[in-house]
PDB file of N, CA and C in Angstrom:
ATOM      1  N   MET A   1       0.633  -1.334  -0.204  1.00  0.00           N
ATOM      2  CA  MET A   1      -0.334   0.119  -0.367  1.00  0.00           C
ATOM      3  C   MET A   1       0.812   1.654  -0.001  1.00  0.00           C
ATOM      4  N   LEU A   2       1.842   1.054   0.501  1.00  0.00           N
ATOM      5  CA  LEU A   2       3.121   2.315   1.024  1.00  0.00           C
ATOM      6  C   LEU A   2       3.878   2.557  -0.362  1.00  0.00           C
ATOM      7  N   GLY A   3       4.568   1.248  -0.766  1.00  0.00           N
ATOM      8  CA  GLY A   3       4.902   1.114  -1.610  1.00  0.00           C
ATOM      9  C   GLY A   3       5.328   1.641  -3.226  1.00  0.00           C
ATOM     10  N   ILE A   4       4.366   1.303  -3.483  1.00  0.00           N
ATOM     11  CA  ILE A   4       4.344   2.176  -4.984  1.00  0.00           C
ATOM     12  C   ILE A   4       4.263   3.831  -4.774  1.00  0.00           C
ATOM     13  N   PRO A   5       3.609   4.643  -3.955  1.00  0.00           N
ATOM     14  CA  PRO A   5       3.788   5.943  -3.804  1.00  0.00           C
ATOM     15  C   PRO A   5       5.340   6.147  -3.474  1.00  0.00           C
ATOM     16  N   LEU A   6       5.397   5.443  -2.585  1.00  0.00           N
ATOM     17  CA  LEU A   6       7.026   5.660  -1.877  1.00  0.00           C
ATOM     18  C   LEU A   6       8.222   5.059  -3.076  1.00  0.00           C
ATOM     19  N   GLY A   7       7.676   4.490  -3.632  1.00  0.00           N
ATOM     20  CA  GLY A   7       8.601   4.209  -4.960  1.00  0.00           C
ATOM     21  C   GLY A   7       8.874   5.189  -6.005  1.00  0.00           C
ATOM     22  N   SER A   8       7.840   5.234  -6.385  1.00  0.00           N
ATOM     23  CA  SER A   8       7.504   6.894  -7.510  1.00  0.00           C
ATOM     24  C   SER A   8       8.071   8.286  -6.946  1.00  0.00           C
ATOM     25  N   TYR A   9       7.613   8.459  -5.632  1.00  0.00           N
ATOM     26  CA  TYR A   9       8.377   9.653  -4.965  1.00  0.00           C
ATOM     27  C   TYR A   9      10.144   9.860  -5.105  1.00  0.00           C
ATOM     28  N   VAL A  10      10.617   8.436  -5.017  1.00  0.00           N
ATOM     29  CA  VAL A  10      12.222   8.332  -4.387  1.00  0.00           C
ATOM     30  C   VAL A  10      12.573   8.185  -6.011  1.00  0.00           C
ATOM     31  N   ILE A  11      11.777   7.586  -7.069  1.00  0.00           N
ATOM     32  CA  ILE A  11      12.744   7.442  -8.429  1.00  0.00           C
ATOM     33  C   ILE A  11      12.546   8.820  -8.776  1.00  0.00           C
ATOM     34  N   ARG A  12      11.950   9.624  -8.435  1.00  0.00           N
ATOM     35  CA  ARG A  12      11.474  11.377  -9.157  1.00  0.00           C
ATOM     36  C   ARG A  12      12.813  11.927  -8.497  1.00  0.00           C
ATOM     37  N   ARG A  13      13.555  11.509  -7.289  1.00  0.00           N
ATOM     38  CA  ARG A  13      14.843  12.446  -6.789  1.00  0.00           C
ATOM     39  C   ARG A  13      16.159  11.423  -6.527  1.00  0.00           C
ATOM     40  N   LEU A  14      16.008  10.665  -7.380  1.00  0.00           N
ATOM     41  CA  LEU A  14      17.236   9.611  -7.833  1.00  0.00           C
ATOM     42  C   LEU A  14      17.191   9.315  -8.941  1.00  0.00           C
ATOM     43  N   ASP A  15      18.414   8.823  -9.055  1.00  0.00           N
ATOM     44  CA  ASP A  15      19.078   8.871 -10.374  1.00  0.00           C
ATOM     45  C   ASP A  15      18.725   6.662 -10.602  1.00  0.00           C
ATOM     46  N   PRO A  16      17.906   7.093 -11.457  1.00  0.00           N
ATOM     47  CA  PRO A  16      17.116   5.477 -12.337  1.00  0.00           C
ATOM     48  C   PRO A  16      17.899   4.312 -11.553  1.00  0.00           C
ATOM     49  N   GLU A  17      19.494   4.339 -11.907  1.00  0.00           N
ATOM     50  CA  GLU A  17      20.256   3.567 -11.744  1.00  0.00           C
ATOM     51  C   GLU A  17      20.624   2.866 -10.363  1.00  0.00           C
ATOM     52  N   ILE A  18      20.772   4.138  -9.433  1.00  0.00           N
ATOM     53  CA  ILE A  18      20.424   3.922  -8.144  1.00  0.00           C
ATOM     54  C   ILE A  18      19.894   3.219  -7.374  1.00  0.00           C
ATOM     55  N   PHE A  19      18.640   3.868  -8.200  1.00  0.00           N
ATOM     56  CA  PHE A  19      16.754   3.410  -7.328  1.00  0.00           C
ATOM     57  C   PHE A  19      16.946   1.695  -7.827  1.00  0.00           C
ATOM     58  N   ARG A  20      17.257   1.435  -8.968  1.00  0.00           N
ATOM     59  CA  ARG A  20      17.314   0.071  -9.287  1.00  0.00           C
ATOM     60  C   ARG A  20      18.364  -0.812  -8.522  1.00  0.00           C
ATOM     61  N   ARG A  21      19.388  -0.358  -8.499  1.00  0.00           N
ATOM     62  CA  ARG A  21      20.536  -1.021  -7.444  1.00  0.00           C
ATOM     63  C   ARG A  21      20.042  -1.078  -5.976  1.00  0.00           C
ATOM     64  N   ILE A  22      19.513   0.134  -5.287  1.00  0.00           N
ATOM     65  CA  ILE A  22      18.606  -0.203  -4.074  1.00  0.00           C
ATOM     66  C   ILE A  22      17.151  -1.048  -4.099  1.00  0.00           C
ATOM     67  N   CYS A  23      16.609  -1.378  -5.138  1.00  0.00           N
ATOM     68  CA  CYS A  23      15.421  -2.314  -5.016  1.00  0.00           C
ATOM     69  C   CYS A  23      15.909  -3.944  -4.820  1.00  0.00           C
ATOM     70  N   MET A  24      17.064  -3.886  -6.226  1.00  0.00           N
ATOM     71  CA  MET A  24      17.769  -4.928  -6.015  1.00  0.00           C
ATOM     72  C   MET A  24      18.590  -5.591  -4.884  1.00  0.00           C
ATOM     73  N   SER A  25      19.051  -4.671  -4.100  1.00  0.00           N
ATOM     74  CA  SER A  25      19.669  -5.087  -2.668  1.00  0.00           C
ATOM     75  C   SER A  25      18.989  -5.453  -1.496  1.00  0.00           C
ATOM     76  N   PHE A  26      17.388  -5.026  -1.920  1.00  0.00           N
ATOM     77  CA  PHE A  26      16.195  -5.022  -0.948  1.00  0.00           C
ATOM     78  C   PHE A  26      16.016  -6.301  -1.139  1.00  0.00           C
ATOM     79  N   ASP A  27      15.994  -6.980  -2.831  1.00  0.00           N
ATOM     80  CA  ASP A  27      15.521  -8.694  -3.266  1.00  0.00           C
ATOM     81  C   ASP A  27      16.111  -9.022  -2.603  1.00  0.00           C
ATOM     82  N   ALA A  28      17.359  -8.939  -2.648  1.00  0.00           N
ATOM     83  CA  ALA A  28      18.495  -9.939  -2.484  1.00  0.00           C
ATOM     84  C   ALA A  28      18.261 -10.232  -0.625  1.00  0.00           C
ATOM     85  N   TRP A  29      17.796  -9.420  -0.023  1.00  0.00           N
ATOM     86  CA  TRP A  29      18.380  -9.532   1.594  1.00  0.00           C
ATOM     87  C   TRP A  29      16.710 -10.501   1.629  1.00  0.00           C
ATOM     88  N   VAL A  30      15.794  -9.958   1.249  1.00  0.00           N
ATOM     89  CA  VAL A  30      14.267 -10.725   1.410  1.00  0.00           C
ATOM     90  C   VAL A  30      14.923 -11.889   0.979  1.00  0.00           C
ATOM     91  N   VAL A  31      15.380 -12.397  -0.413  1.00  0.00           N
ATOM     92  CA  VAL A  31      15.516 -13.920  -1.115  1.00  0.00           C
ATOM     93  C   VAL A  31      16.505 -14.657   0.200  1.00  0.00           C
ATOM     94  N   GLY A  32      17.269 -13.977   0.447  1.00  0.00           N
ATOM     95  CA  GLY A  32      18.164 -14.348   1.363  1.00  0.00           C
ATOM     96  C   GLY A  32      17.502 -14.725   2.981  1.00  0.00           C
ATOM     97  N   PHE A  33      16.715 -14.197   3.117  1.00  0.00           N
ATOM     98  CA  PHE A  33      15.444 -14.556   4.322  1.00  0.00           C
ATOM     99  C   PHE A  33      15.257 -15.911   4.024  1.00  0.00           C
ATOM    100  N   GLY A  34      14.059 -15.690   3.063  1.00  0.00           N
ATOM    101  CA  GLY A  34      13.505 -16.924   2.592  1.00  0.00           C
ATOM    102  C   GLY A  34      14.616 -17.869   2.347  1.00  0.00           C
ATOM    103  N   LEU A  35      15.642 -18.283   1.887  1.00  0.00           N
ATOM    104  CA  LEU A  35      16.215 -19.578   1.733  1.00  0.00           C
ATOM    105  C   LEU A  35      16.351 -19.995   3.437  1.00  0.00           C
ATOM    106  N   SER A  36      16.748 -18.845   3.838  1.00  0.00           N
ATOM    107  CA  SER A  36      17.184 -19.620   5.248  1.00  0.00           C
ATOM    108  C   SER A  36      16.221 -19.900   6.056  1.00  0.00           C
ATOM    109  N   ARG A  37      15.123 -19.074   5.911  1.00  0.00           N
ATOM    110  CA  ARG A  37      13.670 -19.919   6.337  1.00  0.00           C
ATOM    111  C   ARG A  37      13.507 -21.152   5.921  1.00  0.00           C
ATOM    112  N   VAL A  38      13.354 -21.638   4.441  1.00  0.00           N
ATOM    113  CA  VAL A  38      13.123 -22.721   3.860  1.00  0.00           C
ATOM    114  C   VAL A  38      14.341 -23.819   4.421  1.00  0.00           C
ATOM    115  N   LEU A  39      15.400 -23.623   4.343  1.00  0.00           N
ATOM    116  CA  LEU A  39      16.553 -24.161   5.020  1.00  0.00           C
ATOM    117  C   LEU A  39      16.279 -25.355   6.347  1.00  0.00           C
ATOM    118  N   ILE A  40      15.486 -24.044   7.114  1.00  0.00           N
ATOM    119  CA  ILE A  40      15.195 -24.526   8.331  1.00  0.00           C
ATOM    120  C   ILE A  40      14.111 -25.313   8.660  1.00  0.00           C
ATOM    121  N   GLU A  41      13.015 -25.081   7.889  1.00  0.00           N
ATOM    122  CA  GLU A  41      11.817 -25.910   7.562  1.00  0.00           C
ATOM    123  C   GLU A  41      11.861 -26.846   6.925  1.00  0.00           C
ATOM    124  N   LEU A  42      13.074 -27.305   6.137  1.00  0.00           N
ATOM    125  CA  LEU A  42      13.241 -28.857   6.025  1.00  0.00           C
ATOM    126  C   LEU A  42      14.129 -29.401   6.252  1.00  0.00           C
ATOM    127  N   ALA A  43      14.704 -28.493   7.463  1.00  0.00           N
ATOM    128  CA  ALA A  43      15.439 -29.898   8.271  1.00  0.00           C
ATOM    129  C   ALA A  43      17.273 -30.034   7.371  1.00  0.00           C
ATOM    130  N   LEU A  44      17.007 -28.737   6.660  1.00  0.00           N
ATOM    131  CA  LEU A  44      18.798 -29.031   6.231  1.00  0.00           C
ATOM    132  C   LEU A  44      19.669 -28.296   7.156  1.00  0.00           C
ATOM    133  N   MET A  45      19.269 -27.197   7.862  1.00  0.00           N
ATOM    134  CA  MET A  45      20.547 -26.585   8.745  1.00  0.00           C
ATOM    135  C   MET A  45      19.878 -26.625   9.528  1.00  0.00           C
ATOM    136  N   GLN A  46      20.559 -26.433  10.514  1.00  0.00           N
ATOM    137  CA  GLN A  46      19.998 -26.080  11.763  1.00  0.00           C
ATOM    138  C   GLN A  46      19.840 -24.260  12.140  1.00  0.00           C
ATOM    139  N   SER A  47      19.142 -23.698  13.186  1.00  0.00           N
ATOM    140  CA  SER A  47      18.982 -22.573  13.001  1.00  0.00           C
ATOM    141  C   SER A  47      19.460 -21.282  12.569  1.00  0.00           C
ATOM    142  N   PRO A  48      21.371 -21.586  13.770  1.00  0.00           N
ATOM    143  CA  PRO A  48      22.013 -20.354  13.579  1.00  0.00           C
ATOM    144  C   PRO A  48      23.006 -20.066  11.748  1.00  0.00           C
ATOM    145  N   TRP A  49      23.052 -21.696  11.350  1.00  0.00           N
ATOM    146  CA  TRP A  49      23.573 -21.711  10.454  1.00  0.00           C
ATOM    147  C   TRP A  49      22.702 -21.505   9.378  1.00  0.00           C
ATOM    148  N   ALA A  50      21.754 -21.645   9.362  1.00  0.00           N
ATOM    149  CA  ALA A  50      20.814 -21.140   8.067  1.00  0.00           C
ATOM    150  C   ALA A  50      20.715 -19.730   8.015  1.00  0.00           C
ATOM    151  N   TYR A  51      20.969 -19.090   9.566  1.00  0.00           N
ATOM    152  CA  TYR A  51      20.818 -17.526   8.966  1.00  0.00           C
ATOM    153  C   TYR A  51      22.330 -16.788   8.520  1.00  0.00           C
ATOM    154  N   GLY A  52      23.384 -17.858   8.513  1.00  0.00           N
ATOM    155  CA  GLY A  52      24.357 -17.291   7.676  1.00  0.00           C
ATOM    156  C   GLY A  52      24.309 -17.500   6.738  1.00  0.00           C
ATOM    157  N   VAL A  53      23.351 -18.248   6.039  1.00  0.00           N
ATOM    158  CA  VAL A  53      23.494 -18.105   4.123  1.00  0.00           C
ATOM    159  C   VAL A  53      22.909 -16.854   3.866  1.00  0.00           C
ATOM    160  N   MET A  54      22.076 -16.373   5.099  1.00  0.00           N
ATOM    161  CA  MET A  54      21.538 -14.548   4.547  1.00  0.00           C
ATOM    162  C   MET A  54      22.245 -13.831   4.674  1.00  0.00           C
ATOM    163  N   ALA A  55      23.434 -13.707   6.259  1.00  0.00           N
ATOM    164  CA  ALA A  55      24.337 -13.218   6.428  1.00  0.00           C
ATOM    165  C   ALA A  55      25.698 -13.019   5.414  1.00  0.00           C
ATOM    166  N   ALA A  56      25.462 -13.919   4.573  1.00  0.00           N
ATOM    167  CA  ALA A  56      26.522 -14.470   3.659  1.00  0.00           C
ATOM    168  C   ALA A  56      25.471 -13.303   2.105  1.00  0.00           C
ATOM    169  N   THR A  57      24.550 -13.481   2.268  1.00  0.00           N
ATOM    170  CA  THR A  57      23.652 -12.598   0.766  1.00  0.00           C
ATOM    171  C   THR A  57      24.354 -11.097   1.346  1.00  0.00           C
ATOM    172  N   ILE A  58      23.979 -10.979   2.990  1.00  0.00           N
ATOM    173  CA  ILE A  58      24.122  -9.689   2.731  1.00  0.00           C
ATOM    174  C   ILE A  58      25.242  -8.605   3.127  1.00  0.00           C
ATOM    175  N   LEU A  59      26.467 -10.043   3.421  1.00  0.00           N
ATOM    176  CA  LEU A  59      27.714  -9.019   3.025  1.00  0.00           C
ATOM    177  C   LEU A  59      28.401  -9.064   1.560  1.00  0.00           C
ATOM    178  N   ILE A  60      27.682  -9.899   0.774  1.00  0.00           N
ATOM    179  CA  ILE A  60      27.941  -9.505  -0.932  1.00  0.00           C
ATOM    180  C   ILE A  60      27.258  -8.726  -1.071  1.00  0.00           C
ATOM    181  N   ASP A  61      26.187  -8.488  -0.985  1.00  0.00           N
ATOM    182  CA  ASP A  61      25.585  -7.010  -1.303  1.00  0.00           C
ATOM    183  C   ASP A  61      26.080  -6.222  -1.101  1.00  0.00           C
ATOM    184  N   LEU A  62      26.151  -5.910   0.085  1.00  0.00           N
ATOM    185  CA  LEU A  62      27.343  -4.843   0.389  1.00  0.00           C
ATOM    186  C   LEU A  62      27.978  -4.744   0.056  1.00  0.00           C
ATOM    187  N   TYR A  63      29.166  -5.548  -0.217  1.00  0.00           N
ATOM    188  CA  TYR A  63      30.337  -5.625  -1.098  1.00  0.00           C
ATOM    189  C   TYR A  63      29.795  -5.023  -2.668  1.00  0.00           C
ATOM    190  N   LEU A  64      29.129  -5.687  -3.165  1.00  0.00           N
ATOM    191  CA  LEU A  64      28.571  -5.280  -4.673  1.00  0.00           C
ATOM    192  C   LEU A  64      28.075  -3.313  -4.487  1.00  0.00           C
ATOM    193  N   LEU A  65      27.293  -3.483  -3.337  1.00  0.00           N
ATOM    194  CA  LEU A  65      26.992  -1.855  -3.715  1.00  0.00           C
ATOM    195  C   LEU A  65      28.273  -1.083  -3.203  1.00  0.00           C
ATOM    196  N   TYR A  66      28.920  -1.236  -2.243  1.00  0.00           N
ATOM    197  CA  TYR A  66      30.233  -0.167  -2.324  1.00  0.00           C
ATOM    198  C   TYR A  66      31.109  -0.221  -3.285  1.00  0.00           C
ATOM    199  N   THR A  67      30.876  -0.914  -4.171  1.00  0.00           N
ATOM    200  CA  THR A  67      31.933  -1.325  -5.260  1.00  0.00           C
ATOM    201  C   THR A  67      30.946  -0.370  -6.300  1.00  0.00           C
ATOM    202  N   PHE A  68      29.990  -0.337  -6.648  1.00  0.00           N
ATOM    203  CA  PHE A  68      28.755   0.163  -7.673  1.00  0.00           C
ATOM    204  C   PHE A  68      28.867   1.753  -7.579  1.00  0.00           C
ATOM    205  N   PHE A  69      28.898   2.005  -5.999  1.00  0.00           N
ATOM    206  CA  PHE A  69      28.824   3.295  -5.652  1.00  0.00           C
ATOM    207  C   PHE A  69      30.422   4.210  -5.733  1.00  0.00           C
ATOM    208  N   THR A  70      31.207   3.312  -5.362  1.00  0.00           N
ATOM    209  CA  THR A  70      32.786   4.112  -5.641  1.00  0.00           C
ATOM    210  C   THR A  70      32.682   4.475  -6.983  1.00  0.00           C
ATOM    211  N   ALA A  71      32.513   3.281  -8.160  1.00  0.00           N
ATOM    212  CA  ALA A  71      32.755   3.199  -9.453  1.00  0.00           C
ATOM    213  C   ALA A  71      31.725   4.206 -10.175  1.00  0.00           C
ATOM    214  N   HIS A  72      30.965   3.895  -9.626  1.00  0.00           N
ATOM    215  CA  HIS A  72      29.297   5.343 -10.018  1.00  0.00           C
ATOM    216  C   HIS A  72      29.696   6.643  -9.479  1.00  0.00           C
ATOM    217  N   ASN A  73      30.254   7.264  -8.452  1.00  0.00           N
ATOM    218  CA  ASN A  73      30.814   8.931  -7.665  1.00  0.00           C
ATOM    219  C   ASN A  73      32.170   8.750  -8.952  1.00  0.00           C
ATOM    220  N   GLY A  74      32.874   8.122  -8.904  1.00  0.00           N
ATOM    221  CA  GLY A  74      34.416   8.547  -9.212  1.00  0.00           C
ATOM    222  C   GLY A  74      34.310   8.198 -10.862  1.00  0.00           C
ATOM    223  N   GLY A  75      33.548   7.355 -11.476  1.00  0.00           N
ATOM    224  CA  GLY A  75      33.874   7.210 -12.886  1.00  0.00           C
ATOM    225  C   GLY A  75      32.406   8.579 -13.624  1.00  0.00           C
ATOM    226  N   SER A  76      31.817   9.016 -12.601  1.00  0.00           N
ATOM    227  CA  SER A  76      30.764   9.860 -13.616  1.00  0.00           C
ATOM    228  C   SER A  76      31.536  11.775 -13.514  1.00  0.00           C
ATOM    229  N   GLY A  77      32.356  11.723 -12.555  1.00  0.00           N
ATOM    230  CA  GLY A  77      33.255  12.943 -12.983  1.00  0.00           C
ATOM    231  C   GLY A  77      34.207  12.903 -14.076  1.00  0.00           C
ATOM    232  N   ARG A  78      34.850  11.193 -14.038  1.00  0.00           N
ATOM    233  CA  ARG A  78      35.699  10.805 -15.404  1.00  0.00           C
ATOM    234  C   ARG A  78      35.187  11.080 -16.244  1.00  0.00           C
ATOM    235  N   SER A  79      33.976  10.590 -16.792  1.00  0.00           N
ATOM    236  CA  SER A  79      33.303  10.802 -18.140  1.00  0.00           C
ATOM    237  C   SER A  79      32.830  12.264 -18.624  1.00  0.00           C
ATOM    238  N   GLN A  80      32.481  12.784 -17.573  1.00  0.00           N
ATOM    239  CA  GLN A  80      32.409  14.134 -17.850  1.00  0.00           C
ATOM    240  C   GLN A  80      33.573  14.794 -18.537  1.00  0.00           C
ATOM    241  N   ARG A  81      34.991  14.844 -17.798  1.00  0.00           N
ATOM    242  CA  ARG A  81      36.066  15.071 -18.295  1.00  0.00           C
ATOM    243  C   ARG A  81      36.388  14.879 -19.357  1.00  0.00           C
ATOM    244  N   GLN A  82      35.686  13.592 -19.464  1.00  0.00           N
ATOM    245  CA  GLN A  82      36.106  12.692 -20.825  1.00  0.00           C
ATOM    246  C   GLN A  82      35.380  13.222 -22.226  1.00  0.00           C
ATOM    247  N   ALA A  83      33.904  13.560 -21.841  1.00  0.00           N
ATOM    248  CA  ALA A  83      33.199  14.182 -22.542  1.00  0.00           C
ATOM    249  C   ALA A  83      33.577  15.602 -23.103  1.00  0.00           C
ATOM    250  N   GLY A  84      33.904  16.750 -22.076  1.00  0.00           N
ATOM    251  CA  GLY A  84      34.538  17.792 -22.033  1.00  0.00           C
ATOM    252  C   GLY A  84      35.899  17.791 -23.089  1.00  0.00           C
ATOM    253  N   ARG A  85      36.146  16.824 -22.855  1.00  0.00           N
ATOM    254  CA  ARG A  85      38.035  17.101 -23.658  1.00  0.00           C
ATOM    255  C   ARG A  85      37.543  16.370 -25.115  1.00  0.00           C
ATOM    256  N   ALA A  86      36.666  15.410 -25.835  1.00  0.00           N
ATOM    257  CA  ALA A  86      36.200  15.148 -26.679  1.00  0.00           C
ATOM    258  C   ALA A  86      35.795  16.036 -27.619  1.00  0.00           C
ATOM    259  N   GLU A  87      34.760  17.175 -26.729  1.00  0.00           N
ATOM    260  CA  GLU A  87      34.093  18.126 -26.657  1.00  0.00           C
ATOM    261  C   GLU A  87      34.837  19.439 -27.380  1.00  0.00           C
ATOM    262  N   ARG A  88      35.723  19.673 -26.782  1.00  0.00           N
ATOM    263  CA  ARG A  88      37.208  20.669 -27.107  1.00  0.00           C
ATOM    264  C   ARG A  88      38.307  19.559 -28.357  1.00  0.00           C
ATOM    265  N   GLU A  89      38.390  18.671 -28.388  1.00  0.00           N
ATOM    266  CA  GLU A  89      38.850  18.351 -29.840  1.00  0.00           C
ATOM    267  C   GLU A  89      38.129  18.771 -30.852  1.00  0.00           C
ATOM    268  N   VAL A  90      36.704  18.301 -30.683  1.00  0.00           N
ATOM    269  CA  VAL A  90      35.662  18.448 -32.032  1.00  0.00           C
ATOM    270  C   VAL A  90      35.864  19.698 -32.356  1.00  0.00           C
ATOM    271  N   ARG A  91      35.700  20.870 -31.570  1.00  0.00           N
ATOM    272  CA  ARG A  91      35.715  22.300 -31.937  1.00  0.00           C
ATOM    273  C   ARG A  91      37.583  22.690 -32.399  1.00  0.00           C
ATOM    274  N   ALA A  92      38.215  21.604 -32.057  1.00  0.00           N
ATOM    275  CA  ALA A  92      39.500  22.380 -32.390  1.00  0.00           C
ATOM    276  C   ALA A  92      39.612  22.162 -33.786  1.00  0.00           C
ATOM    277  N   SER A  93      39.159  20.781 -34.182  1.00  0.00           N
ATOM    278  CA  SER A  93      39.606  20.321 -35.939  1.00  0.00           C
ATOM    279  C   SER A  93      38.222  20.801 -36.690  1.00  0.00           C
ATOM    280  N   SER A  94      37.367  21.476 -35.798  1.00  0.00           N
ATOM    281  CA  SER A  94      36.203  22.005 -37.028  1.00  0.00           C
ATOM    282  C   SER A  94      36.567  23.415 -37.078  1.00  0.00           C
ATOM    283  N   SER A  95      37.648  24.202 -36.195  1.00  0.00           N
ATOM    284  CA  SER A  95      38.174  25.024 -36.425  1.00  0.00           C
ATOM    285  C   SER A  95      39.637  25.760 -37.977  1.00  0.00           C
TER     286      SER A  95
END
């Protein structure tokens, strides 16, 4: 009930790629929790170990988010500089 209005409010204020990454991150956490519960219900793992699967999912996800945001922040400035340099080269060649 709140997810769609909240999501449409947030996506207007964020870069769509960042919004997608955050949504996928949330999905990974939910799937990790669900997998942990299934392992417990099927008696394939004991409770503390099954939640280790969720913890591993969270750790991997946090690492992926960290690499995305560091590359996204560093890469955007670099690509703008490269675009500016290419524009200057085009102007110089056309003169």
